[in-house]
Amino acid sequence: MSDQPMTPDHSTPAGFYPDSQGQMRFWDGTRWTEHTQAAPVAPAPAPAKKSHTFRNVMLGFIAALVLLVGGCIALIGSAANEVDKSIKAEEAKDAEPGGPDNPLTIEPGKKFSVLGFDYAAGWKVGVDGIGDAEVTGLKVTNNRDEKDGAIVEIKFMKGNEVLALVDCSTEQIAVGQTTSVDCFSTDELPKDYDRITINDTF
């Protein structure tokens, strides 16, 4: 194909390769095919732990540093109480349905909400050109208190086992704005999952 940025030969393994239109086209090991897909969006890195220990320790360290610099012993009790409230507020948010510590069960095609992000009905689950799990048509409206972006995990579950993972994200969304969600997976769509869940990654 003249519009391809590379000229594979029979030693090139089958797979999707970028073309000049910014999409991925499938080389079957012998010839180019008509199968295409959008260039993959790199999934946002998931945090190593869900316990948020590092964040909580940093909040405590910052509060202690402010107290030390200020030199006001009388404020120690009050500042410690504020730090404790902040930590508890973050932990409560993480435990909300769809938060990092509490995945929300969702059904294909049906609307749902995660912490002020309202996802519209009409989305679908399927497979891409190479059999990997695919989530399409997912749109979200930001009804949170400030501009924010969605970085979520959609999981295909069987009992407590994650059979496949789809990473989804958006750009920063203004309050009240609706945008499409970009989803990407390298896991095959399982045939025997019993539910689908979604949760914020952090």
Protein backbone atom coordinates (compact mmCIF):
# COMPACT_ATOMS: atom_id res chain seq x y z
CA MET A 1 0.00 0.00 0.00
CA SER A 2 1.43 3.32 -1.03
CA ASP A 3 -0.01 5.15 1.98
CA GLN A 4 1.80 3.03 4.53
CA PRO A 5 4.80 4.51 6.36
CA MET A 6 6.62 1.19 6.21
CA THR A 7 7.04 -1.63 3.69
CA PRO A 8 6.72 -4.92 5.54
CA ASP A 9 7.86 -8.18 4.00
CA HIS A 10 6.95 -11.79 4.74
CA SER A 11 9.24 -11.79 7.77
CA THR A 12 7.18 -9.03 9.42
CA PRO A 13 4.87 -10.61 12.04
CA ALA A 14 1.12 -10.18 11.68
CA GLY A 15 -0.29 -7.27 13.62
CA PHE A 16 -1.54 -3.71 13.52
CA TYR A 17 0.88 -1.04 12.27
CA PRO A 18 0.36 2.76 11.96
CA ASP A 19 -0.61 4.26 8.62
CA SER A 20 -0.51 7.82 7.30
CA GLN A 21 -4.09 8.56 8.41
CA GLY A 22 -3.20 8.14 12.08
CA GLN A 23 -4.90 4.76 12.45
CA MET A 24 -3.66 1.22 12.85
CA ARG A 25 -3.98 -1.17 9.84
CA PHE A 26 -3.64 -4.98 10.04
CA TRP A 27 -0.77 -6.81 8.27
CA ASP A 28 -1.63 -10.55 8.15
CA GLY A 29 1.97 -11.64 7.54
CA THR A 30 1.51 -11.69 3.77
CA ARG A 31 -0.45 -8.59 2.84
CA TRP A 32 -2.26 -5.54 4.21
CA THR A 33 -5.94 -6.06 5.04
CA GLU A 34 -8.81 -3.59 5.29
CA HIS A 35 -9.06 -4.05 9.08
CA THR A 36 -8.25 -0.84 10.92
CA GLN A 37 -8.53 0.55 14.39
CA ALA A 38 -7.77 3.85 16.07
CA ALA A 39 -4.25 4.33 17.35
CA PRO A 40 -4.22 3.10 20.96
CA VAL A 41 -4.30 5.59 23.80
CA ALA A 42 -1.73 4.70 26.39
CA PRO A 43 -3.56 3.81 29.61
CA ALA A 44 -2.95 6.05 32.55
CA PRO A 45 -0.61 4.38 35.02
CA ALA A 46 -2.50 2.86 37.91
CA PRO A 47 -1.24 3.57 41.41
CA ALA A 48 0.86 0.79 42.92
CA LYS A 49 -1.33 0.57 46.01
CA LYS A 50 -4.90 1.35 46.90
CA SER A 51 -4.13 2.06 50.56
CA HIS A 52 -3.00 5.66 49.86
CA THR A 53 -0.46 5.36 52.67
CA PHE A 54 2.04 7.65 50.92
CA ARG A 55 -0.54 10.40 50.45
CA ASN A 56 -1.68 10.15 54.07
CA VAL A 57 1.91 10.23 55.35
CA MET A 58 2.65 13.29 53.20
CA LEU A 59 -0.41 15.10 54.57
CA GLY A 60 0.79 14.38 58.10
CA PHE A 61 4.35 15.47 57.26
CA ILE A 62 3.17 18.78 55.75
CA ALA A 63 0.97 19.51 58.77
CA ALA A 64 3.88 18.75 61.14
CA LEU A 65 6.22 21.00 59.14
CA VAL A 66 3.77 23.92 59.29
CA LEU A 67 3.51 23.51 63.04
CA LEU A 68 7.28 23.36 63.46
CA VAL A 69 7.89 26.52 61.38
CA GLY A 70 5.10 28.40 63.09
CA GLY A 71 6.37 27.41 66.51
CA CYS A 72 2.88 27.56 67.94
CA ILE A 73 2.44 24.63 70.33
CA ALA A 74 -1.14 25.63 71.09
CA LEU A 75 -2.14 24.82 67.49
CA ILE A 76 -0.82 21.25 67.52
CA GLY A 77 -4.07 19.71 68.66
CA SER A 78 -6.15 21.75 66.23
CA ALA A 79 -3.86 21.06 63.24
CA ALA A 80 -3.72 17.33 64.02
CA ASN A 81 -7.51 17.31 64.12
CA GLU A 82 -7.69 19.00 60.68
CA VAL A 83 -5.23 16.51 59.19
CA ASP A 84 -7.28 13.65 60.64
CA LYS A 85 -10.45 15.14 59.11
CA SER A 86 -8.75 15.48 55.71
CA ILE A 87 -7.54 11.89 55.77
CA LYS A 88 -10.96 10.61 56.81
CA ALA A 89 -12.65 12.67 54.08
CA GLU A 90 -10.34 11.18 51.43
CA GLU A 91 -10.87 7.66 52.74
CA ALA A 92 -14.66 8.18 52.72
CA LYS A 93 -14.46 9.39 49.11
CA ASP A 94 -12.39 6.36 48.11
CA ALA A 95 -15.04 4.09 49.67
CA GLU A 96 -17.95 5.64 47.71
CA PRO A 97 -19.47 3.43 44.96
CA GLY A 98 -17.08 3.69 42.01
CA GLY A 99 -14.23 5.00 44.18
CA PRO A 100 -10.82 3.28 44.12
CA ASP A 101 -11.73 1.01 47.04
CA ASN A 102 -15.32 0.19 46.03
CA PRO A 103 -15.90 -0.78 42.35
CA LEU A 104 -19.43 -0.12 41.07
CA THR A 105 -21.25 -2.85 39.12
CA ILE A 106 -22.53 -1.52 35.77
CA GLU A 107 -24.61 -2.94 32.90
CA PRO A 108 -23.80 -2.41 29.21
CA GLY A 109 -25.96 0.28 27.66
CA LYS A 110 -27.29 1.66 30.96
CA LYS A 111 -26.39 5.02 32.52
CA PHE A 112 -24.53 5.26 35.83
CA SER A 113 -22.72 7.80 38.02
CA VAL A 114 -19.36 7.78 39.80
CA LEU A 115 -18.68 10.57 42.29
CA GLY A 116 -20.29 13.36 40.24
CA PHE A 117 -19.29 12.00 36.83
CA ASP A 118 -22.53 11.00 35.06
CA TYR A 119 -22.08 8.41 32.30
CA ALA A 120 -24.78 8.32 29.59
CA ALA A 121 -26.74 5.30 28.38
CA GLY A 122 -25.98 3.71 25.02
CA TRP A 123 -22.43 2.41 25.55
CA LYS A 124 -21.44 -1.06 24.33
CA VAL A 125 -19.06 -3.90 25.08
CA GLY A 126 -17.47 -5.86 22.25
CA VAL A 127 -14.19 -6.96 20.70
CA ASP A 128 -11.77 -5.06 18.50
CA GLY A 129 -10.19 -6.37 15.30
CA ILE A 130 -7.84 -8.70 17.16
CA GLY A 131 -10.27 -10.01 19.78
CA ASP A 132 -9.38 -7.69 22.67
CA ALA A 133 -12.10 -6.33 24.95
CA GLU A 134 -13.55 -3.05 23.70
CA VAL A 135 -15.84 -0.46 25.30
CA THR A 136 -17.37 2.01 22.83
CA GLY A 137 -19.86 4.87 22.95
CA LEU A 138 -19.10 5.79 26.57
CA LYS A 139 -19.78 9.49 27.29
CA VAL A 140 -19.45 11.35 30.59
CA THR A 141 -20.71 14.68 31.95
CA ASN A 142 -18.73 16.42 34.70
CA ASN A 143 -21.18 17.38 37.46
CA ARG A 144 -18.45 17.69 40.08
CA ASP A 145 -17.60 20.99 41.77
CA GLU A 146 -14.56 21.71 39.59
CA LYS A 147 -12.82 20.88 36.33
CA ASP A 148 -11.62 17.27 36.38
CA GLY A 149 -10.76 14.31 34.17
CA ALA A 150 -11.89 10.70 34.30
CA ILE A 151 -9.27 8.00 34.77
CA VAL A 152 -11.10 4.73 35.41
CA GLU A 153 -10.78 0.97 35.18
CA ILE A 154 -13.56 -1.19 33.71
CA LYS A 155 -13.18 -4.79 34.81
CA PHE A 156 -14.80 -7.99 33.56
CA MET A 157 -15.22 -10.10 36.70
CA LYS A 158 -16.03 -13.69 37.60
CA GLY A 159 -16.55 -13.85 41.35
CA ASN A 160 -13.55 -12.01 42.80
CA GLU A 161 -11.32 -12.69 39.79
CA VAL A 162 -10.52 -9.99 37.22
CA LEU A 163 -10.73 -11.71 33.82
CA ALA A 164 -10.04 -8.63 31.69
CA LEU A 165 -9.24 -4.96 32.28
CA VAL A 166 -10.09 -1.94 30.12
CA ASP A 167 -8.43 1.40 30.97
CA CYS A 168 -10.49 4.49 30.14
CA SER A 169 -9.72 8.20 30.38
CA THR A 170 -10.71 11.70 29.25
CA GLU A 171 -9.07 15.09 29.01
CA GLN A 172 -9.84 17.61 31.75
CA ILE A 173 -13.59 18.34 31.56
CA ALA A 174 -15.14 21.68 32.52
CA VAL A 175 -18.06 21.59 34.96
CA GLY A 176 -21.25 20.77 33.05
CA GLN A 177 -19.38 19.64 29.93
CA THR A 178 -19.91 16.24 28.24
CA THR A 179 -17.15 14.36 26.40
CA SER A 180 -16.39 10.93 24.97
CA VAL A 181 -14.32 8.49 27.00
CA ASP A 182 -11.32 6.80 25.34
CA CYS A 183 -10.94 3.14 26.32
CA PHE A 184 -8.09 0.71 25.60
CA SER A 185 -7.32 -2.89 26.49
CA THR A 186 -4.84 -5.59 25.62
CA ASP A 187 -6.94 -8.31 27.30
CA GLU A 188 -9.20 -10.65 25.34
CA LEU A 189 -12.92 -10.30 26.03
CA PRO A 190 -13.77 -13.22 28.35
CA LYS A 191 -16.80 -15.36 27.55
CA ASP A 192 -17.72 -16.38 31.09
CA TYR A 193 -17.63 -13.12 33.11
CA ASP A 194 -20.54 -12.61 35.51
CA ARG A 195 -20.39 -8.82 35.97
CA ILE A 196 -18.70 -5.62 34.84
CA THR A 197 -17.40 -3.04 37.33
CA ILE A 198 -15.95 0.47 37.11
CA ASN A 199 -13.82 2.41 39.58
CA ASP A 200 -11.64 5.50 39.69
CA THR A 201 -7.97 4.51 39.61
CA PHE A 202 -7.08 7.06 42.35
